[in-house]
Amino acid sequence: MKKRHNNLPDVIDKSESEIKCILELIRNSALPDDVKNFVIKCIELALWLPLHLQNKRISLHRLRVMIFGKGYNKNDGKSAHNNDAIPEHLKSDEATSTPLPESHEIKPGLENNSETTTLPAVIAPELLSSGSIEKEKKPGHGRMPHTVYTNVVEIELLLKNLVVGDLCPELCGGKLGPYKTGVIIRIKGQNFAQLYRYFIEKLRCNLCGIIINANIPAEVGKEKYDESFKAMLAIMKYYVAIPFYRQEQFQKMLGFPLSDATQWNLIEKVAGNCYASYNELIYCAANSNMLQNDDTTLRILETIKQIKEGTAGNRTGMYTTGIIATYEEHKIALFINGRQHSGENVGDVLKKRTPDKDPIIQMADALSANIPKGMQTVLCNCLSHGFRKFEELVGFTTLECIFIVSKLSKVFEFDSETRTMSGQDRLAYHQKNSQPIMNELKEYMEKLINDKLVEPNSELGKSIKYMQRHWEKLTRFLTVAGAPIDNNIVERALKIAIRNRKSALFYRTEYSAGIGGMLTSIIYTCHLNGQNPHHYLVALQVHQAKVVANPKHWLPWNYLDAIAQQSEQADGANPPVHSPPLDFLVAA
């Protein structure tokens, strides 16, 4: 007998020990293994679901996607093609999934009282069914050319006993001439660091007691840990996200004891050489053409302790602010860890902006915490946030959302074609191609709300209201040259901080959090500008005095010129720092 939906099952309270006992009984029972696994998974789901709903950590829409996946990628395509699956108020001869020609006049609308209008039929087929369109296969064999390897040791293998002009060894009478050089790549594994043990011979006079030591070559160095190793340690911690303790256990296993305290001391020395260049990066970001920002959460044990003791004040949140600035065609990444919101950190950065400059273009989501107080900016909002609000609802309100999502997808396609354009050319291109689509979307969403075809308090109604409320900022890319369409670059950058948070869990103090943010900023800025972060950190340590004296010449995009200029001035007396960048790896 089918149970009615309104007959809820009885709620039974069980303690943690009782649940463990029940699970143990199931595991030790005579039930088949697949039945045991099924029952255990059901119990785990029954425990997990109420916990997340009570703590309000997840919305019903995201819960549905987590459990069943995105519906429109699986079954919604079939239901959209099936006229019986379309709600009665949406059925019409024109409301099909067949795309109309571009020249066809689209009249947005739904059936309302006696006047019959139709839902636009231009619906992207790829949104209806994930398998409806075959992806174009990219040309190529999938193998990388040897030119992609830049940090290599090059070795030339020459022919023995043969040179250009010699007679052919096949005795055909011909002479040998030059031919294109063959190239092979061989990648050999080795430890994280190469350790050297030097035995220094000593002699002692038996009369006067003088001790004579063997000469120590200059390349041995004066410090136990060289600049290259310290730079690599910083990258492993703040980019690869390997915690100090995990690195300690790993290196100990390989016969290289490296305590977590030692790692922190070395990291601190690297950071001491980075303050000048980091402050210059902040100055450049403040005077850039465009700035994008967002927040993610953070844990700092020192701050958590102050909160528990009641000495932290009213501010109890901890955040990592990600800022990506565009300065003279260069990208600058800033990661700021602490108690301040994104808008407050952006305000501190913009205080260094030259007063006579025009207001900076700022891209952020619609949260008020992202807006700097008392600072004038050309504020843009992320269109991807609006897109995702409709994408989550496709499985519930298929036709309306698929139409909106398909139109927004077209705008993003146009934006992808403008990446190499100048700001003015990009603006003109969007005004020609994206402006009509956005105008059509605006009219369509207004009709849904004004004609009461969508409940304003429903999820779809709230998504439409979000777009309408922030429409001017969401469409700033149609009115301001250089304004971005989304904030995706910052969200990608914040994943660097998020994976470090997931791996290391926390910072111990606000001081260590500040150092972590600074080193992450420098490393990721090198990445955005196509530079080797390891080589750059080595250069900052070796040339510390010159960096402090003139930091604007030692930024990730111009420091190689400074090294080359210094080498020319030295007339070849000292070998350049940049050959090769990983000396300890080459030696292995």
Foldseek 3Di string as FASTA:
>chain_A
DDDDPVPDDDDDDDDPVRVVVVLVCLVPDPDDPVVNVVVVVVVVCVVPVVVCVVVVVDDPLVVCCVVPNQVQQPCQLVLQQDQVNDDPFADDPQSHQDADDPPDDFDDDTDFPPDHDHHGNHFDSCSNYVPPDDDDDDDDDPDDDPVVDDQDDDDDDDDPPDDFQPADPVPPRDTDHDDDDDDDDDDDDDDLFFADDDDWDWDADPPPGDIDIDDDDVVVDDDRDALLSLLSLLCCCQFVQAQLVNVQVVVVVVVHHDHSVNNVVSLVLLLVLQPLLLVVLLLQQLAFQAKEKDKDFAAAQVLVVCVVVVNNPPQNTKIWMWMWGQGPNAIFIFTATGRAFQQCVSLVSNVSYDVPDDAHAYEYAPDPSNHHPPGDHNYAHAVVVLLVLLSSCCVPNPSVSSVVNRLVVVLVVQVVVCPPPFQVVQLVSCLVPVVVSVVVVLVNLCNCVVSVVDDCPDSVNVSSVSCVVRVCRQVVSNPDGPHDNHNVVRVVLCVSVVSSCVNVVHHHHSVVVRSSRSSSRQCVSLVRVVHHSSLLSSVSSVPSVVCNVPVVCSHSVRNVVVQVVVCVVVVNPDDGCVVPSNVRVVVD
